Amino acid sequence: MVDGVLLVAAGRSVRPLDIGGDEEPTAAETARPVIELTGSDSPLAFVEDVAAGRTRPRPVTGFAREIFGRLPSVTWQDGPERTVAAFRGPPEPFPTPGGETTDGWAGEERWA
């Protein structure tokens, strides 16, 4: 998604662009893998849809693909898995102003 935003920002098009994928998963399709990947016991709760009967807009990514040759590199199915894995792993080292690297932890406290 960041690559798509940077391409649009560097481009000269003033037309709105949809830089997401062509698929449009439901909220439940998105939530279920997150619940499974995190080991949560949270239930899915469905509430009344105030937009019932309205037509939802569909993603139209053809213009972004035509101008930039852009296709998402991560599917919506892989995104949650990669995100949860990133949060579970240790923080990446980052440079300090003195040129040294730290382990990503500030002070003595570490979050579990």
N, C-alpha and C. Protein backbone atom coordinates (compact mmCIF):
# COMPACT_ATOMS: atom_id res chain seq x y z
N MET A 1 0.83 -1.18 0.00
CA MET A 1 0.00 0.00 0.00
C MET A 1 0.88 1.25 0.00
N VAL A 2 1.96 1.20 0.77
CA VAL A 2 2.87 2.36 0.83
C VAL A 2 3.46 2.62 -0.55
N ASP A 3 3.85 1.57 -1.25
CA ASP A 3 4.39 1.75 -2.61
C ASP A 3 3.37 2.46 -3.50
N GLY A 4 2.11 2.06 -3.41
CA GLY A 4 1.06 2.68 -4.21
C GLY A 4 0.88 4.14 -3.87
N VAL A 5 0.90 4.48 -2.58
CA VAL A 5 0.76 5.88 -2.16
C VAL A 5 1.92 6.70 -2.69
N LEU A 6 3.14 6.16 -2.62
CA LEU A 6 4.30 6.90 -3.13
C LEU A 6 4.24 7.09 -4.64
N LEU A 7 3.76 6.08 -5.36
CA LEU A 7 3.61 6.22 -6.81
C LEU A 7 2.61 7.32 -7.15
N VAL A 8 1.49 7.35 -6.45
CA VAL A 8 0.47 8.37 -6.70
C VAL A 8 1.02 9.75 -6.34
N ALA A 9 1.71 9.86 -5.21
CA ALA A 9 2.26 11.14 -4.79
C ALA A 9 3.28 11.68 -5.78
N ALA A 10 4.07 10.78 -6.37
CA ALA A 10 5.09 11.20 -7.33
C ALA A 10 4.52 11.42 -8.73
N GLY A 11 3.32 10.93 -8.98
CA GLY A 11 2.70 11.05 -10.30
C GLY A 11 2.06 12.41 -10.51
N ARG A 12 1.57 12.61 -11.69
CA ARG A 12 0.96 13.89 -12.04
C ARG A 12 -0.55 13.81 -12.19
N SER A 13 -1.11 12.66 -11.92
CA SER A 13 -2.55 12.50 -12.07
C SER A 13 -3.29 13.22 -10.96
N VAL A 14 -4.36 13.90 -11.31
CA VAL A 14 -5.21 14.55 -10.31
C VAL A 14 -6.50 13.75 -10.11
N ARG A 15 -6.61 12.66 -10.80
CA ARG A 15 -7.79 11.80 -10.71
C ARG A 15 -7.65 10.88 -9.50
N PRO A 16 -8.72 10.67 -8.75
CA PRO A 16 -8.65 9.74 -7.62
C PRO A 16 -8.32 8.33 -8.11
N LEU A 17 -7.50 7.64 -7.36
CA LEU A 17 -7.08 6.30 -7.73
C LEU A 17 -7.37 5.33 -6.59
N ASP A 18 -7.83 4.15 -6.92
CA ASP A 18 -7.98 3.08 -5.95
C ASP A 18 -6.75 2.21 -6.08
N ILE A 19 -5.90 2.22 -5.06
CA ILE A 19 -4.64 1.47 -5.13
C ILE A 19 -4.71 0.15 -4.36
N GLY A 20 -5.88 -0.20 -3.91
CA GLY A 20 -6.05 -1.48 -3.21
C GLY A 20 -6.17 -2.61 -4.20
N GLY A 21 -6.58 -3.75 -3.70
CA GLY A 21 -6.76 -4.92 -4.55
C GLY A 21 -8.14 -4.95 -5.16
N ASP A 22 -8.34 -5.86 -6.10
CA ASP A 22 -9.64 -6.00 -6.77
C ASP A 22 -10.64 -6.75 -5.91
N GLU A 23 -10.16 -7.49 -4.93
CA GLU A 23 -11.06 -8.25 -4.07
C GLU A 23 -11.59 -7.36 -2.96
N GLU A 24 -12.79 -7.67 -2.51
CA GLU A 24 -13.39 -6.90 -1.43
C GLU A 24 -13.92 -7.86 -0.37
N PRO A 25 -13.06 -8.25 0.58
CA PRO A 25 -13.52 -9.19 1.59
C PRO A 25 -14.51 -8.52 2.54
N THR A 26 -15.37 -9.32 3.12
CA THR A 26 -16.29 -8.80 4.12
C THR A 26 -15.54 -8.58 5.43
N ALA A 27 -16.16 -7.88 6.35
CA ALA A 27 -15.54 -7.66 7.66
C ALA A 27 -15.31 -8.99 8.36
N ALA A 28 -16.25 -9.92 8.24
CA ALA A 28 -16.09 -11.24 8.88
C ALA A 28 -14.94 -12.01 8.25
N GLU A 29 -14.80 -11.95 6.92
CA GLU A 29 -13.69 -12.64 6.25
C GLU A 29 -12.35 -12.07 6.68
N THR A 30 -12.32 -10.81 7.01
CA THR A 30 -11.09 -10.17 7.47
C THR A 30 -10.83 -10.48 8.94
N ALA A 31 -11.88 -10.49 9.75
CA ALA A 31 -11.73 -10.66 11.20
C ALA A 31 -11.38 -12.09 11.59
N ARG A 32 -11.94 -13.08 10.92
CA ARG A 32 -11.72 -14.47 11.33
C ARG A 32 -10.24 -14.87 11.34
N PRO A 33 -9.48 -14.57 10.29
CA PRO A 33 -8.05 -14.93 10.33
C PRO A 33 -7.30 -14.19 11.45
N VAL A 34 -7.67 -12.95 11.72
CA VAL A 34 -7.01 -12.19 12.78
C VAL A 34 -7.27 -12.86 14.13
N ILE A 35 -8.50 -13.27 14.36
CA ILE A 35 -8.85 -13.95 15.62
C ILE A 35 -8.06 -15.26 15.73
N GLU A 36 -7.97 -16.01 14.65
CA GLU A 36 -7.24 -17.28 14.67
C GLU A 36 -5.74 -17.05 14.86
N LEU A 37 -5.17 -16.11 14.13
CA LEU A 37 -3.72 -15.87 14.20
C LEU A 37 -3.27 -15.36 15.55
N THR A 38 -4.12 -14.59 16.21
CA THR A 38 -3.75 -14.03 17.51
C THR A 38 -4.11 -14.94 18.67
N GLY A 39 -4.85 -16.01 18.39
CA GLY A 39 -5.25 -16.92 19.45
C GLY A 39 -6.31 -16.32 20.36
N SER A 40 -7.02 -15.33 19.87
CA SER A 40 -8.05 -14.66 20.65
C SER A 40 -9.29 -15.54 20.78
N ASP A 41 -10.00 -15.33 21.87
CA ASP A 41 -11.28 -16.03 22.02
C ASP A 41 -12.44 -15.05 21.80
N SER A 42 -12.13 -13.92 21.18
CA SER A 42 -13.16 -12.92 20.91
C SER A 42 -14.17 -13.44 19.90
N PRO A 43 -15.45 -13.29 20.20
CA PRO A 43 -16.47 -13.71 19.24
C PRO A 43 -16.72 -12.61 18.21
N LEU A 44 -17.18 -13.02 17.06
CA LEU A 44 -17.63 -12.02 16.08
C LEU A 44 -19.02 -11.57 16.51
N ALA A 45 -19.25 -10.28 16.52
CA ALA A 45 -20.56 -9.75 16.89
C ALA A 45 -21.10 -8.97 15.71
N PHE A 46 -22.27 -9.31 15.28
CA PHE A 46 -22.89 -8.65 14.14
C PHE A 46 -23.99 -7.73 14.67
N VAL A 47 -24.01 -6.51 14.16
CA VAL A 47 -25.03 -5.54 14.55
C VAL A 47 -25.84 -5.17 13.31
N GLU A 48 -26.92 -4.49 13.52
CA GLU A 48 -27.79 -4.09 12.41
C GLU A 48 -27.01 -3.24 11.42
N ASP A 49 -27.17 -3.53 10.15
CA ASP A 49 -26.50 -2.79 9.08
C ASP A 49 -27.36 -1.59 8.72
N VAL A 50 -26.88 -0.39 9.07
CA VAL A 50 -27.66 0.81 8.78
C VAL A 50 -27.67 1.13 7.29
N ALA A 51 -26.75 0.53 6.55
CA ALA A 51 -26.67 0.79 5.11
C ALA A 51 -27.35 -0.31 4.30
N ALA A 52 -28.17 -1.11 4.94
CA ALA A 52 -28.83 -2.22 4.25
C ALA A 52 -29.63 -1.69 3.06
N GLY A 53 -29.49 -2.36 1.95
CA GLY A 53 -30.21 -1.97 0.76
C GLY A 53 -29.43 -1.03 -0.15
N ARG A 54 -28.40 -0.39 0.37
CA ARG A 54 -27.58 0.48 -0.47
C ARG A 54 -26.54 -0.35 -1.20
N THR A 55 -26.18 0.08 -2.38
CA THR A 55 -25.14 -0.59 -3.15
C THR A 55 -23.79 -0.11 -2.66
N ARG A 56 -22.94 -1.07 -2.29
CA ARG A 56 -21.60 -0.72 -1.85
C ARG A 56 -20.71 -0.46 -3.05
N PRO A 57 -19.82 0.52 -2.96
CA PRO A 57 -18.90 0.75 -4.07
C PRO A 57 -17.93 -0.42 -4.20
N ARG A 58 -17.60 -0.77 -5.41
CA ARG A 58 -16.66 -1.85 -5.70
C ARG A 58 -15.31 -1.24 -6.03
N PRO A 59 -14.21 -1.92 -5.68
CA PRO A 59 -12.89 -1.41 -6.02
C PRO A 59 -12.72 -1.33 -7.54
N VAL A 60 -12.17 -0.24 -8.00
CA VAL A 60 -11.87 -0.06 -9.43
C VAL A 60 -10.40 0.30 -9.52
N THR A 61 -9.58 -0.70 -9.76
CA THR A 61 -8.13 -0.50 -9.74
C THR A 61 -7.52 -0.42 -11.13
N GLY A 62 -8.34 -0.48 -12.16
CA GLY A 62 -7.82 -0.48 -13.52
C GLY A 62 -7.01 0.74 -13.88
N PHE A 63 -7.42 1.92 -13.41
CA PHE A 63 -6.70 3.14 -13.75
C PHE A 63 -5.31 3.14 -13.13
N ALA A 64 -5.18 2.76 -11.87
CA ALA A 64 -3.87 2.69 -11.22
C ALA A 64 -2.99 1.66 -11.92
N ARG A 65 -3.59 0.55 -12.32
CA ARG A 65 -2.83 -0.49 -13.03
C ARG A 65 -2.38 0.03 -14.39
N GLU A 66 -3.25 0.77 -15.06
CA GLU A 66 -2.93 1.31 -16.39
C GLU A 66 -1.80 2.34 -16.31
N ILE A 67 -1.87 3.24 -15.36
CA ILE A 67 -0.87 4.31 -15.26
C ILE A 67 0.45 3.81 -14.67
N PHE A 68 0.38 3.07 -13.59
CA PHE A 68 1.59 2.69 -12.85
C PHE A 68 1.98 1.23 -13.03
N GLY A 69 1.12 0.43 -13.66
CA GLY A 69 1.39 -0.99 -13.75
C GLY A 69 1.36 -1.61 -12.36
N ARG A 70 0.57 -1.02 -11.49
CA ARG A 70 0.57 -1.40 -10.09
C ARG A 70 -0.43 -2.51 -9.78
N LEU A 71 0.08 -3.52 -9.13
CA LEU A 71 -0.74 -4.57 -8.55
C LEU A 71 -0.28 -4.73 -7.11
N PRO A 72 -1.20 -4.93 -6.18
CA PRO A 72 -0.77 -5.12 -4.79
C PRO A 72 0.19 -6.31 -4.68
N SER A 73 1.22 -6.16 -3.88
CA SER A 73 2.20 -7.24 -3.73
C SER A 73 1.85 -8.17 -2.58
N VAL A 74 0.92 -7.77 -1.72
CA VAL A 74 0.49 -8.59 -0.59
C VAL A 74 -1.03 -8.73 -0.69
N THR A 75 -1.50 -9.95 -0.65
CA THR A 75 -2.95 -10.18 -0.71
C THR A 75 -3.59 -9.86 0.63
N TRP A 76 -4.88 -9.65 0.62
CA TRP A 76 -5.57 -9.37 1.89
C TRP A 76 -5.52 -10.58 2.81
N GLN A 77 -5.34 -11.77 2.26
CA GLN A 77 -5.24 -12.97 3.09
C GLN A 77 -3.86 -13.03 3.78
N ASP A 78 -2.81 -12.60 3.09
CA ASP A 78 -1.46 -12.65 3.66
C ASP A 78 -1.17 -11.49 4.60
N GLY A 79 -1.85 -10.38 4.42
CA GLY A 79 -1.59 -9.19 5.22
C GLY A 79 -1.70 -9.40 6.72
N PRO A 80 -2.82 -9.96 7.22
CA PRO A 80 -2.92 -10.18 8.67
C PRO A 80 -1.84 -11.11 9.21
N GLU A 81 -1.52 -12.16 8.46
CA GLU A 81 -0.48 -13.09 8.91
C GLU A 81 0.87 -12.38 9.05
N ARG A 82 1.22 -11.58 8.08
CA ARG A 82 2.49 -10.86 8.12
C ARG A 82 2.49 -9.80 9.22
N THR A 83 1.34 -9.16 9.43
CA THR A 83 1.25 -8.13 10.46
C THR A 83 1.39 -8.74 11.84
N VAL A 84 0.66 -9.83 12.11
CA VAL A 84 0.75 -10.48 13.42
C VAL A 84 2.17 -10.99 13.66
N ALA A 85 2.80 -11.56 12.64
CA ALA A 85 4.18 -12.05 12.78
C ALA A 85 5.13 -10.90 13.11
N ALA A 86 4.92 -9.75 12.49
CA ALA A 86 5.79 -8.60 12.76
C ALA A 86 5.65 -8.11 14.19
N PHE A 87 4.43 -8.14 14.72
CA PHE A 87 4.23 -7.71 16.10
C PHE A 87 4.75 -8.74 17.10
N ARG A 88 4.80 -9.99 16.73
CA ARG A 88 5.28 -11.03 17.64
C ARG A 88 6.80 -11.11 17.69
N GLY A 89 7.45 -10.70 16.62
CA GLY A 89 8.90 -10.80 16.56
C GLY A 89 9.58 -9.70 17.35
N PRO A 90 10.89 -9.84 17.57
CA PRO A 90 11.61 -8.79 18.29
C PRO A 90 11.69 -7.53 17.43
N PRO A 91 11.81 -6.38 18.07
CA PRO A 91 11.92 -5.15 17.28
C PRO A 91 13.21 -5.13 16.48
N GLU A 92 13.15 -4.53 15.32
CA GLU A 92 14.33 -4.43 14.46
C GLU A 92 15.28 -3.40 15.05
N PRO A 93 16.61 -3.64 14.96
CA PRO A 93 17.55 -2.62 15.43
C PRO A 93 17.41 -1.36 14.59
N PHE A 94 17.64 -0.21 15.20
CA PHE A 94 17.59 1.03 14.44
C PHE A 94 18.76 1.90 14.86
N PRO A 95 19.26 2.74 13.93
CA PRO A 95 20.43 3.56 14.24
C PRO A 95 20.08 4.70 15.20
N THR A 96 21.04 5.05 16.03
CA THR A 96 20.91 6.19 16.93
C THR A 96 21.67 7.35 16.32
N PRO A 97 21.49 8.55 16.85
CA PRO A 97 22.22 9.70 16.29
C PRO A 97 23.73 9.51 16.27
N GLY A 98 24.28 8.72 17.18
CA GLY A 98 25.73 8.49 17.22
C GLY A 98 26.20 7.43 16.24
N GLY A 99 25.29 6.85 15.46
CA GLY A 99 25.66 5.84 14.48
C GLY A 99 25.60 4.42 15.00
N GLU A 100 25.42 4.25 16.32
CA GLU A 100 25.30 2.92 16.90
C GLU A 100 23.90 2.40 16.64
N THR A 101 23.70 1.12 16.88
CA THR A 101 22.35 0.58 16.76
C THR A 101 21.88 0.13 18.13
N THR A 102 20.57 0.19 18.33
CA THR A 102 19.99 -0.28 19.58
C THR A 102 19.14 -1.49 19.29
N ASP A 103 18.69 -2.16 20.33
CA ASP A 103 17.85 -3.33 20.13
C ASP A 103 16.38 -2.97 19.95
N GLY A 104 16.05 -1.68 19.91
CA GLY A 104 14.67 -1.25 19.70
C GLY A 104 13.91 -1.05 20.98
N TRP A 105 14.51 -1.39 22.12
CA TRP A 105 13.81 -1.23 23.40
C TRP A 105 14.28 0.06 24.05
N ALA A 106 13.35 0.83 24.59
CA ALA A 106 13.69 2.07 25.29
C ALA A 106 13.72 1.79 26.78
N GLY A 107 14.84 2.10 27.43
CA GLY A 107 14.93 1.92 28.88
C GLY A 107 14.95 0.45 29.25
N GLU A 108 14.57 0.18 30.49
CA GLU A 108 14.61 -1.19 31.02
C GLU A 108 13.29 -1.94 30.80
N GLU A 109 12.21 -1.21 30.57
CA GLU A 109 10.91 -1.86 30.47
C GLU A 109 10.74 -2.50 29.10
N ARG A 110 10.18 -3.68 29.08
CA ARG A 110 9.87 -4.38 27.83
C ARG A 110 8.46 -4.88 27.90
N TRP A 111 7.72 -4.68 26.83
CA TRP A 111 6.31 -5.10 26.79
C TRP A 111 6.27 -6.58 26.46
N ALA A 112 5.35 -7.28 27.06
CA ALA A 112 5.21 -8.72 26.79
C ALA A 112 4.31 -8.94 25.60
